[in-house]
Amino acid sequence: MAAGGSYSIVEYFGGDDGHRCGYCKHENGNFSHGMWSHTMTVQDYQDLIDRGWRRSGKYVYKPLMNKTCCPQYTIRCHALNFHPSKTHKKTLKKVNRFLSKGEMPVEKHDEGREGEPMESVHEEGVQPPPQDPLKIDHSDVQDISPSPDTDTANSAAPTTPRDDAEKTTAVTPKPGKGADPNRPLCRKAKDLRKERRLQKEQQKQQEAVSSSVNPSPAKSSSNQPKSLEEFITESLPNDPLHRLEVRLVRSNPPSPQFKASFDASYQVYKLYQMTIHKDPPDKPTESQFKRFLCDSPLEAEMAPDGPDVGYGSFHQQYWLDGRIVAVGVLDILPFCVSSVYLYYHPDFSSLSLGTYSALREIAFTRQLQQQSPKLSFYYLGFYVHSCPKMRYKGQYRPSDLLCPESYTWVPIERCIPRLDISAYSRLNENARAGDAHALKKLGRVLVLHRRTVMPYAAYARKRKGSNDEKEVEQYASLVGQTCAERILLYRA
């Protein structure tokens, strides 16, 4: 449960059937486990991606690594120690030449980030639940109380999600004339406070965005190599021919700036999918765009030790001479900036905007780290060694891959030789290293049943004869003991 009193709430789907692979195009070789997240705290999602999970809209999935045709390893870059390679420097100089002089490269640069597929299994095989079973929102979650017959000897009773001062008891109302239809509906004080807080956060974000997104590097000493930030701003005159502005807008809940630019952003996405990924015109619909790149389960959170813009889901928009030419979809989490997707206007494909935006996102991570010291990693999603077009992510170094068995981080230099031999590999060389958060106590897994939070042990006693133990055990093994004791698993 988050410090603010919110739970993450998920429905587990399992996933034993194979689907079409977006990397090698195998018709049924892609295997993964998935769950629908109605709402999720940023800390829970941080812990999940550190166990190999990743989100596509509100669908959160984890590849079945030793079975899927193209194993996908979570990759993170150490943003503070990153130094651009020769290729990265060329890309930055190419963009700066275009901005300052209008020089557009003739060749079409086929860069790796263009190979990132919009996960076809999640587009076609997974749809949102037909209806939100609980109409879940924060007010409903706050009304959840632990089951009275929780076995405290064998299961840890969850803490109540709100302060004692805010607890209410169920009281039968006295008969009367009912609510006055001429007066506005009563709203909970907690909801009003949250709405005011979000309004203040959005105002604060807009004040902080320009300083956070646009790098303003300090000069490095003469005997030190140039920093990434210096390469980004190098050779740009005070009055360039083209002006590039990078804006960060919160996508969930949508800020006024996000809403105002929604249609322009969608049109760029549609052109990108049709031109770069060869989608038919009827595939990149507005509803698909909303579902996968705008909807997010992540709650907007602010923390005293967090960045000024807060945590949650954002779109980082690249405005060239007053119009959107590229958008990076990002999650800002307690320890990282996590890249979700990138799309750009095909007219500018020769500028290598995939590489350029990744470098800007690394610089953005470094800016946020100055405000929040623990936020120091840039997650690039999945590294797929068996797919040559996806190996470009390994060029952002120093970087680590996540071991699929011990869930520990291993420097990519030590992983490559193993992956050259086999597409799937236990990356941690220490055979005795295990999963520190492996499932040990199934009874302590938190479930949500009839709007009541209870440990699975209490739920199982209530539902004598239920046959879902194997499913719950599989779910809890995949998310780990720590997350299983925090996240609410919905039980119908």
Protein backbone atom coordinates (compact mmCIF):
# COMPACT_ATOMS: atom_id res chain seq x y z
CA MET A 1 0.00 0.00 0.00
CA ALA A 2 1.28 3.44 -0.88
CA ALA A 3 2.04 6.02 1.74
CA GLY A 4 -1.03 7.98 0.66
CA GLY A 5 -3.31 5.04 1.51
CA SER A 6 -3.88 3.57 -1.97
CA TYR A 7 -3.71 -0.07 -2.99
CA SER A 8 -2.75 -1.56 -6.33
CA ILE A 9 -5.60 -3.74 -7.64
CA VAL A 10 -5.12 -6.39 -10.34
CA GLU A 11 -6.94 -9.24 -12.09
CA TYR A 12 -4.62 -12.09 -13.04
CA PHE A 13 -5.13 -13.69 -16.46
CA GLY A 14 -2.43 -16.35 -16.45
CA GLY A 15 -1.31 -17.07 -20.01
CA ASP A 16 -0.55 -20.63 -21.05
CA ASP A 17 -1.39 -20.18 -24.74
CA GLY A 18 1.09 -18.95 -27.32
CA HIS A 19 0.51 -15.79 -29.37
CA ARG A 20 2.07 -14.12 -32.38
CA CYS A 21 5.54 -12.74 -31.67
CA GLY A 22 6.10 -9.10 -32.58
CA TYR A 23 9.85 -9.72 -33.02
CA CYS A 24 10.31 -12.89 -35.10
CA LYS A 25 6.66 -13.03 -36.33
CA HIS A 26 6.22 -16.61 -35.10
CA GLU A 27 2.47 -17.21 -35.11
CA ASN A 28 2.20 -18.81 -31.67
CA GLY A 29 5.69 -18.67 -30.14
CA ASN A 30 5.17 -15.72 -27.78
CA PHE A 31 4.38 -16.87 -24.24
CA SER A 32 3.74 -14.53 -21.33
CA HIS A 33 1.71 -14.20 -18.14
CA GLY A 34 -0.45 -11.12 -17.74
CA MET A 35 -2.81 -9.21 -15.49
CA TRP A 36 -5.12 -6.26 -15.84
CA SER A 37 -4.22 -3.45 -13.46
CA HIS A 38 -7.16 -1.30 -12.41
CA THR A 39 -4.85 0.93 -10.42
CA MET A 40 -1.22 0.67 -9.34
CA THR A 41 1.16 2.61 -7.12
CA VAL A 42 4.47 3.66 -8.63
CA GLN A 43 6.40 1.70 -5.99
CA ASP A 44 4.56 -1.51 -6.82
CA TYR A 45 5.23 -1.03 -10.53
CA GLN A 46 8.89 -0.27 -9.81
CA ASP A 47 9.13 -3.57 -7.93
CA LEU A 48 7.32 -5.42 -10.73
CA ILE A 49 9.60 -4.19 -13.54
CA ASP A 50 12.50 -5.26 -11.34
CA ARG A 51 11.04 -8.76 -11.64
CA GLY A 52 10.70 -8.66 -15.43
CA TRP A 53 7.18 -7.24 -15.81
CA ARG A 54 6.26 -4.45 -18.23
CA ARG A 55 3.06 -2.59 -19.04
CA SER A 56 1.17 -1.92 -22.26
CA GLY A 57 -1.58 0.50 -21.29
CA LYS A 58 -3.19 -1.03 -18.21
CA TYR A 59 -2.16 -4.55 -19.17
CA VAL A 60 0.94 -5.70 -17.27
CA TYR A 61 2.76 -8.75 -18.61
CA LYS A 62 5.80 -10.91 -17.93
CA PRO A 63 7.36 -13.06 -20.68
CA LEU A 64 7.69 -16.77 -19.94
CA MET A 65 11.42 -16.57 -20.51
CA ASN A 66 12.38 -20.24 -20.83
CA LYS A 67 9.50 -20.97 -23.22
CA THR A 68 8.92 -17.88 -25.38
CA CYS A 69 10.55 -17.77 -28.82
CA CYS A 70 12.32 -14.44 -28.23
CA PRO A 71 13.33 -14.08 -24.56
CA GLN A 72 13.00 -10.46 -23.42
CA TYR A 73 15.41 -9.26 -20.73
CA THR A 74 14.69 -6.10 -18.76
CA ILE A 75 17.53 -3.63 -19.40
CA ARG A 76 18.54 -0.55 -17.45
CA CYS A 77 21.19 2.08 -18.13
CA HIS A 78 23.21 3.78 -15.39
CA ALA A 79 22.25 7.30 -16.42
CA LEU A 80 24.77 9.11 -14.22
CA ASN A 81 27.73 7.19 -15.67
CA PHE A 82 26.52 7.22 -19.28
CA HIS A 83 28.84 8.60 -21.94
CA PRO A 84 27.63 8.87 -25.56
CA SER A 85 29.31 6.64 -28.13
CA LYS A 86 30.57 7.88 -31.51
CA THR A 87 27.24 6.93 -33.07
CA HIS A 88 25.36 8.84 -30.39
CA LYS A 89 27.52 11.92 -30.91
CA LYS A 90 26.94 11.78 -34.67
CA THR A 91 23.19 11.68 -34.09
CA LEU A 92 23.30 14.70 -31.78
CA LYS A 93 25.42 16.66 -34.26
CA LYS A 94 23.09 15.69 -37.10
CA VAL A 95 20.04 17.02 -35.25
CA ASN A 96 21.87 20.20 -34.23
CA ARG A 97 22.95 20.85 -37.84
CA PHE A 98 19.33 20.55 -38.89
CA LEU A 99 18.18 22.91 -36.14
CA SER A 100 20.87 25.52 -36.77
CA LYS A 101 21.19 25.37 -40.59
CA GLY A 102 18.26 23.32 -41.85
CA GLU A 103 20.46 20.50 -43.19
CA MET A 104 18.30 17.39 -43.56
CA PRO A 105 20.20 14.12 -44.17
CA VAL A 106 19.20 12.41 -47.40
CA GLU A 107 19.64 8.80 -46.31
CA LYS A 108 16.93 7.00 -44.40
CA HIS A 109 18.63 5.84 -41.24
CA ASP A 110 17.22 2.47 -40.17
CA GLU A 111 17.74 2.71 -36.44
CA GLY A 112 16.95 0.10 -33.87
CA ARG A 113 14.22 1.91 -31.98
CA GLU A 114 12.05 1.67 -35.08
CA GLY A 115 12.00 -2.10 -34.55
CA GLU A 116 10.08 -1.85 -31.26
CA PRO A 117 6.75 -3.56 -31.95
CA MET A 118 3.45 -2.53 -30.46
CA GLU A 119 2.88 -5.85 -28.70
CA SER A 120 0.47 -7.66 -31.01
CA VAL A 121 -0.51 -10.20 -28.36
CA HIS A 122 -1.76 -7.42 -26.13
CA GLU A 123 -3.53 -5.63 -28.97
CA GLU A 124 -5.44 -8.62 -30.27
CA GLY A 125 -5.51 -11.20 -27.50
CA VAL A 126 -6.21 -9.04 -24.47
CA GLN A 127 -9.13 -6.71 -23.97
CA PRO A 128 -10.11 -4.76 -20.86
CA PRO A 129 -12.47 -6.58 -18.47
CA PRO A 130 -16.05 -6.20 -19.79
CA GLN A 131 -16.87 -4.06 -16.80
CA ASP A 132 -14.98 -2.77 -13.85
CA PRO A 133 -16.16 -5.32 -11.26
CA LEU A 134 -16.02 -2.87 -8.38
CA LYS A 135 -16.14 0.47 -10.19
CA ILE A 136 -12.83 0.80 -8.46
CA ASP A 137 -11.62 4.25 -7.56
CA HIS A 138 -9.89 5.68 -4.55
CA SER A 139 -13.07 6.20 -2.58
CA ASP A 140 -14.03 2.54 -2.99
CA VAL A 141 -10.58 1.37 -2.00
CA GLN A 142 -10.63 3.52 1.11
CA ASP A 143 -13.88 1.86 2.21
CA ILE A 144 -12.26 -1.57 2.24
CA SER A 145 -11.67 -3.00 5.70
CA PRO A 146 -9.91 -6.20 6.74
CA SER A 147 -12.00 -9.32 7.13
CA PRO A 148 -13.13 -9.73 10.75
CA ASP A 149 -12.23 -13.43 10.80
CA THR A 150 -8.65 -12.96 9.60
CA ASP A 151 -6.39 -15.56 11.14
CA THR A 152 -3.78 -13.35 12.79
CA ALA A 153 -1.76 -16.35 13.86
CA ASN A 154 -1.06 -17.52 10.32
CA SER A 155 -1.64 -14.39 8.24
CA ALA A 156 -0.58 -10.78 8.54
CA ALA A 157 -3.64 -8.54 8.77
CA PRO A 158 -3.22 -5.60 6.40
CA THR A 159 -3.17 -2.12 7.82
CA THR A 160 -6.26 -0.04 7.16
CA PRO A 161 -5.80 2.32 4.23
CA ARG A 162 -6.68 5.52 6.06
CA ASP A 163 -5.94 7.23 9.34
CA ASP A 164 -8.07 6.49 12.38
CA ALA A 165 -9.37 10.05 12.29
CA GLU A 166 -10.93 9.37 8.89
CA LYS A 167 -12.61 6.06 9.79
CA THR A 168 -16.37 5.97 9.53
CA THR A 169 -18.84 3.41 10.77
CA ALA A 170 -21.90 2.20 8.92
CA VAL A 171 -24.95 3.96 10.42
CA THR A 172 -28.52 3.39 9.25
CA PRO A 173 -29.88 6.76 8.14
CA LYS A 174 -33.04 8.09 9.72
CA PRO A 175 -36.07 8.24 7.45
CA GLY A 176 -36.67 11.65 5.97
CA LYS A 177 -37.22 13.59 2.79
CA GLY A 178 -33.88 12.63 1.28
CA ALA A 179 -31.25 14.82 -0.38
CA ASP A 180 -32.14 18.27 -1.64
CA PRO A 181 -32.02 17.95 -5.47
CA ASN A 182 -31.20 21.65 -5.76
CA ARG A 183 -27.94 21.31 -3.84
CA PRO A 184 -24.72 19.73 -5.20
CA LEU A 185 -23.96 16.16 -4.26
CA CYS A 186 -21.93 15.72 -1.11
CA ARG A 187 -18.34 14.66 -1.69
CA LYS A 188 -15.89 13.10 0.69
CA ALA A 189 -13.42 15.51 2.24
CA LYS A 190 -10.63 13.10 1.23
CA ASP A 191 -11.70 13.34 -2.44
CA LEU A 192 -11.82 17.14 -2.28
CA ARG A 193 -8.36 17.26 -0.74
CA LYS A 194 -7.00 14.94 -3.40
CA GLU A 195 -8.52 17.04 -6.20
CA ARG A 196 -7.00 20.23 -4.78
CA ARG A 197 -3.64 18.51 -4.35
CA LEU A 198 -3.63 17.31 -7.97
CA GLN A 199 -4.48 20.81 -9.19
CA LYS A 200 -1.53 22.20 -7.23
CA GLU A 201 0.71 19.42 -8.55
CA GLN A 202 -0.20 20.16 -12.17
CA GLN A 203 0.55 23.84 -11.66
CA LYS A 204 3.85 22.98 -10.00
CA GLN A 205 4.70 20.55 -12.82
CA GLN A 206 4.27 23.19 -15.49
CA GLU A 207 6.60 25.49 -13.57
CA ALA A 208 9.17 22.71 -13.24
CA VAL A 209 8.92 21.20 -16.72
CA SER A 210 11.08 23.63 -18.67
CA SER A 211 13.94 23.38 -16.18
CA SER A 212 13.68 19.59 -15.88
CA VAL A 213 13.30 18.65 -19.54
CA ASN A 214 15.70 21.04 -21.22
CA PRO A 215 19.30 20.38 -20.16
CA SER A 216 21.41 23.27 -18.94
CA PRO A 217 24.76 21.61 -18.28
CA ALA A 218 27.60 22.99 -16.24
CA LYS A 219 30.86 23.36 -18.14
CA SER A 220 33.13 20.38 -17.73
CA SER A 221 36.76 20.98 -16.90
CA SER A 222 39.19 21.12 -19.83
CA ASN A 223 40.69 17.69 -19.08
CA GLN A 224 37.29 15.98 -18.80
CA PRO A 225 35.31 14.60 -21.77
CA LYS A 226 32.22 16.55 -22.77
CA SER A 227 29.05 15.59 -20.98
CA LEU A 228 25.91 14.34 -22.70
CA GLU A 229 24.21 17.64 -21.92
CA GLU A 230 26.99 19.60 -23.62
CA PHE A 231 26.68 17.49 -26.77
CA ILE A 232 22.90 18.09 -26.81
CA THR A 233 23.30 21.87 -26.80
CA GLU A 234 26.61 22.05 -28.72
CA SER A 235 26.82 24.25 -31.84
CA LEU A 236 23.33 25.68 -31.41
CA PRO A 237 23.30 29.44 -32.13
CA ASN A 238 21.15 31.84 -30.13
CA ASP A 239 18.87 32.23 -33.13
CA PRO A 240 18.70 28.82 -34.89
CA LEU A 241 16.80 28.31 -38.12
CA HIS A 242 14.50 25.79 -36.42
CA ARG A 243 13.42 25.83 -32.79
CA LEU A 244 12.99 22.57 -30.86
CA GLU A 245 11.12 22.60 -27.56
CA VAL A 246 10.69 19.55 -25.34
CA ARG A 247 7.57 19.57 -23.18
CA LEU A 248 6.59 17.10 -20.47
CA VAL A 249 2.83 16.64 -20.03
CA ARG A 250 1.14 14.31 -17.59
CA SER A 251 -1.01 11.74 -19.40
CA ASN A 252 -2.72 10.20 -16.37
CA PRO A 253 -4.69 11.92 -15.06
CA PRO A 254 -4.57 13.97 -18.27
CA SER A 255 -3.32 17.51 -17.75
CA PRO A 256 -4.88 20.44 -19.65
CA GLN A 257 -1.75 20.58 -21.82
CA PHE A 258 -2.13 16.88 -22.67
CA LYS A 259 -5.78 17.33 -23.61
CA ALA A 260 -5.04 20.39 -25.75
CA SER A 261 -2.39 18.55 -27.78
CA PHE A 262 -4.13 15.16 -27.90
CA ASP A 263 -5.33 15.26 -31.51
CA ALA A 264 -2.02 16.54 -32.90
CA SER A 265 -0.17 13.84 -30.97
CA TYR A 266 -2.52 11.11 -32.20
CA GLN A 267 -2.09 12.17 -35.83
CA VAL A 268 1.69 11.78 -35.50
CA TYR A 269 1.19 8.33 -33.94
CA LYS A 270 -1.12 7.26 -36.78
CA LEU A 271 1.36 8.35 -39.46
CA TYR A 272 4.19 6.62 -37.62
CA GLN A 273 2.38 3.28 -37.33
CA MET A 274 1.26 3.33 -40.97
CA THR A 275 4.63 4.38 -42.42
CA ILE A 276 7.22 2.78 -40.12
CA HIS A 277 5.31 -0.36 -39.03
CA LYS A 278 3.17 -0.67 -42.18
CA ASP A 279 -0.12 -0.80 -40.26
CA PRO A 280 -3.27 -0.59 -42.41
CA PRO A 281 -5.09 2.76 -42.00
CA ASP A 282 -7.90 1.23 -39.93
CA LYS A 283 -5.57 -0.28 -37.30
CA PRO A 284 -4.05 2.74 -35.48
CA THR A 285 -7.41 4.04 -34.26
CA GLU A 286 -7.88 6.72 -31.66
CA SER A 287 -9.24 4.17 -29.19
CA GLN A 288 -6.18 1.95 -29.71
CA PHE A 289 -3.92 4.96 -29.16
CA LYS A 290 -5.73 5.83 -25.93
CA ARG A 291 -5.75 2.24 -24.70
CA PHE A 292 -2.06 1.54 -25.14
CA LEU A 293 -0.25 4.87 -24.91
CA CYS A 294 -2.52 7.16 -22.90
CA ASP A 295 -4.30 4.93 -20.38
CA SER A 296 -2.13 3.96 -17.45
CA PRO A 297 -2.79 2.25 -14.13
CA LEU A 298 -0.13 4.36 -12.41
CA GLU A 299 -1.37 6.85 -9.87
CA ALA A 300 -0.03 10.38 -9.88
CA GLU A 301 2.06 10.67 -6.74
CA MET A 302 4.16 13.39 -5.14
CA ALA A 303 6.81 12.66 -2.52
CA PRO A 304 8.97 14.98 -0.39
CA ASP A 305 12.11 13.27 -1.73
CA GLY A 306 10.76 12.86 -5.28
CA PRO A 307 11.19 14.99 -8.41
CA ASP A 308 9.28 18.26 -8.78
CA VAL A 309 7.13 16.87 -11.61
CA GLY A 310 6.02 13.95 -9.44
CA TYR A 311 5.73 10.26 -10.26
CA GLY A 312 3.43 8.60 -12.78
CA SER A 313 2.85 8.47 -16.54
CA PHE A 314 3.82 11.23 -18.96
CA HIS A 315 4.24 12.11 -22.63
CA GLN A 316 7.45 13.93 -23.50
CA GLN A 317 6.60 15.94 -26.61
CA TYR A 318 9.10 17.28 -29.13
CA TRP A 319 7.77 20.50 -30.69
CA LEU A 320 9.56 21.72 -33.82
CA ASP A 321 8.62 25.24 -34.91
CA GLY A 322 5.30 24.97 -33.10
CA ARG A 323 4.19 21.45 -34.11
CA ILE A 324 4.65 18.01 -32.58
CA VAL A 325 7.18 15.86 -34.45
CA ALA A 326 7.86 13.14 -31.86
CA VAL A 327 6.52 11.84 -28.55
CA GLY A 328 8.22 9.66 -25.95
CA VAL A 329 5.84 7.82 -23.60
CA LEU A 330 7.46 7.65 -20.15
CA ASP A 331 6.82 6.45 -16.61
CA ILE A 332 8.62 8.30 -13.82
CA LEU A 333 9.14 5.86 -10.93
CA PRO A 334 10.95 6.07 -7.58
CA PHE A 335 14.27 4.74 -8.96
CA CYS A 336 14.05 5.29 -12.70
CA VAL A 337 12.61 6.80 -15.82
CA SER A 338 11.04 3.91 -17.75
CA SER A 339 10.61 4.24 -21.52
CA VAL A 340 7.28 2.84 -22.74
CA TYR A 341 7.17 3.76 -26.44
CA LEU A 342 8.29 6.33 -29.00
CA TYR A 343 6.60 7.57 -32.15
CA TYR A 344 7.57 10.37 -34.53
CA HIS A 345 6.58 12.02 -37.79
CA PRO A 346 7.96 9.93 -40.69
CA ASP A 347 9.13 13.08 -42.52
CA PHE A 348 11.93 13.35 -39.95
CA SER A 349 13.03 9.70 -39.89
CA SER A 350 16.46 10.58 -41.33
CA LEU A 351 17.25 12.55 -38.16
CA SER A 352 17.42 9.31 -36.13
CA LEU A 353 14.84 10.58 -33.66
CA GLY A 354 14.72 7.19 -31.92
CA THR A 355 18.35 7.52 -30.85
CA TYR A 356 18.03 11.26 -30.24
CA SER A 357 15.01 10.89 -27.95
CA ALA A 358 16.70 8.10 -25.96
CA LEU A 359 19.67 10.40 -25.35
CA ARG A 360 17.33 13.20 -24.29
CA GLU A 361 15.55 10.80 -21.93
CA ILE A 362 18.87 9.82 -20.34
CA ALA A 363 19.68 13.52 -19.89
CA PHE A 364 16.18 13.99 -18.41
CA THR A 365 16.84 11.17 -15.94
CA ARG A 366 20.03 12.92 -14.86
CA GLN A 367 18.10 16.16 -14.35
CA LEU A 368 15.54 14.39 -12.16
CA GLN A 369 18.32 12.73 -10.17
CA GLN A 370 19.51 16.18 -9.07
CA GLN A 371 16.12 16.61 -7.38
CA SER A 372 15.72 13.00 -6.22
CA PRO A 373 19.10 11.27 -5.66
CA LYS A 374 17.71 7.71 -5.68
CA LEU A 375 16.25 8.19 -9.19
CA SER A 376 19.32 7.30 -11.23
CA PHE A 377 18.41 4.63 -13.81
CA TYR A 378 16.95 4.76 -17.31
CA TYR A 379 14.99 1.63 -18.23
CA LEU A 380 14.80 0.92 -21.97
CA GLY A 381 12.18 -1.83 -21.71
CA PHE A 382 13.27 -5.22 -23.03
CA TYR A 383 16.56 -6.28 -24.61
CA VAL A 384 16.00 -9.08 -27.17
CA HIS A 385 19.35 -10.58 -28.14
CA SER A 386 17.78 -13.11 -30.52
CA CYS A 387 16.34 -10.23 -32.58
CA PRO A 388 19.23 -8.28 -34.21
CA LYS A 389 17.10 -5.14 -34.64
CA MET A 390 16.58 -5.00 -30.86
CA ARG A 391 20.25 -5.25 -29.87
CA TYR A 392 20.70 -1.48 -30.19
CA LYS A 393 19.56 -1.08 -26.58
CA GLY A 394 22.82 -2.65 -25.46
CA GLN A 395 24.71 0.35 -26.89
CA TYR A 396 23.60 2.64 -24.03
CA ARG A 397 26.27 1.79 -21.49
CA PRO A 398 26.96 1.10 -18.71
CA SER A 399 23.89 -1.09 -18.58
CA ASP A 400 22.62 -4.24 -16.85
CA LEU A 401 20.29 -7.08 -17.78
CA LEU A 402 17.94 -8.68 -15.28
CA CYS A 403 18.62 -12.33 -14.51
CA PRO A 404 15.33 -14.19 -15.14
CA GLU A 405 15.89 -16.60 -12.25
CA SER A 406 17.54 -14.67 -9.41
CA TYR A 407 16.14 -11.22 -10.39
CA THR A 408 19.53 -9.63 -9.86
CA TRP A 409 21.25 -7.23 -12.24
CA VAL A 410 24.21 -8.41 -14.32
CA PRO A 411 26.47 -6.09 -16.42
CA ILE A 412 25.61 -6.60 -20.08
CA GLU A 413 29.25 -7.32 -21.00
CA ARG A 414 29.02 -10.53 -18.98
CA CYS A 415 25.66 -11.47 -20.51
CA ILE A 416 26.45 -11.19 -24.23
CA PRO A 417 28.73 -14.29 -24.44
CA ARG A 418 26.04 -16.40 -22.75
CA LEU A 419 23.28 -15.07 -25.03
CA ASP A 420 25.43 -15.71 -28.10
CA ILE A 421 25.29 -19.39 -27.17
CA SER A 422 21.64 -19.60 -26.12
CA ALA A 423 18.68 -17.19 -26.49
CA TYR A 424 17.65 -18.06 -22.94
CA SER A 425 20.20 -18.00 -20.16
CA ARG A 426 20.39 -17.69 -16.42
CA LEU A 427 22.57 -14.58 -16.42
CA ASN A 428 23.71 -14.72 -12.81
CA GLU A 429 26.86 -16.87 -12.72
CA ASN A 430 26.41 -17.68 -9.04
CA ALA A 431 24.41 -20.91 -9.14
CA ARG A 432 23.48 -20.54 -5.47
CA ALA A 433 21.98 -17.07 -5.88
CA GLY A 434 18.21 -17.34 -5.53
CA ASP A 435 15.17 -15.12 -5.68
CA ALA A 436 15.28 -12.97 -2.55
CA HIS A 437 11.53 -12.32 -2.82
CA ALA A 438 10.43 -15.87 -3.70
CA LEU A 439 6.98 -16.91 -2.52
CA LYS A 440 7.16 -18.53 0.89
CA LYS A 441 3.78 -17.94 2.51
CA LEU A 442 0.79 -18.25 0.20
CA GLY A 443 -1.61 -17.47 3.03
CA ARG A 444 -0.27 -13.93 3.34
CA VAL A 445 -1.10 -13.01 -0.27
CA LEU A 446 -3.61 -10.15 -0.21
CA VAL A 447 -6.88 -10.58 -2.08
CA LEU A 448 -9.88 -8.35 -2.64
CA HIS A 449 -13.18 -10.19 -2.21
CA ARG A 450 -16.55 -8.46 -2.00
CA ARG A 451 -14.84 -5.12 -1.42
CA THR A 452 -13.00 -6.51 1.58
CA VAL A 453 -9.23 -6.88 1.88
CA MET A 454 -8.11 -10.15 3.39
CA PRO A 455 -5.15 -12.55 3.31
CA TYR A 456 -5.61 -15.53 1.02
CA ALA A 457 -5.73 -17.84 4.06
CA ALA A 458 -8.88 -16.08 5.29
CA TYR A 459 -10.37 -16.03 1.79
CA ALA A 460 -9.75 -19.78 1.37
CA ARG A 461 -11.62 -20.49 4.63
CA LYS A 462 -14.54 -18.38 3.47
CA ARG A 463 -14.59 -20.06 0.07
CA LYS A 464 -14.37 -23.68 1.09
CA GLY A 465 -13.98 -25.88 -1.95
CA SER A 466 -12.56 -23.10 -4.14
CA ASN A 467 -10.14 -24.44 -6.74
CA ASP A 468 -8.04 -21.34 -7.42
CA GLU A 469 -5.06 -22.13 -5.19
CA LYS A 470 -2.78 -23.06 -8.10
CA GLU A 471 -3.67 -19.87 -9.97
CA VAL A 472 -3.05 -17.68 -6.93
CA GLU A 473 0.20 -19.48 -6.24
CA GLN A 474 1.36 -18.93 -9.83
CA TYR A 475 0.47 -15.22 -9.63
CA ALA A 476 2.20 -14.75 -6.28
CA SER A 477 5.33 -16.58 -7.48
CA LEU A 478 5.59 -14.23 -10.46
CA VAL A 479 5.09 -10.97 -8.53
CA GLY A 480 7.08 -12.16 -5.50
CA GLN A 481 6.23 -12.32 -1.81
CA THR A 482 6.72 -8.58 -1.17
CA CYS A 483 4.38 -7.42 -3.93
CA ALA A 484 1.90 -10.23 -3.21
CA GLU A 485 1.50 -8.86 0.32
CA ARG A 486 0.86 -5.31 -0.96
CA ILE A 487 -1.06 -5.68 -4.23
CA LEU A 488 -4.73 -6.69 -4.06
CA LEU A 489 -5.60 -9.68 -6.25
CA TYR A 490 -9.26 -9.41 -7.21
CA ARG A 491 -11.34 -12.51 -6.55
CA ALA A 492 -14.87 -12.67 -7.99
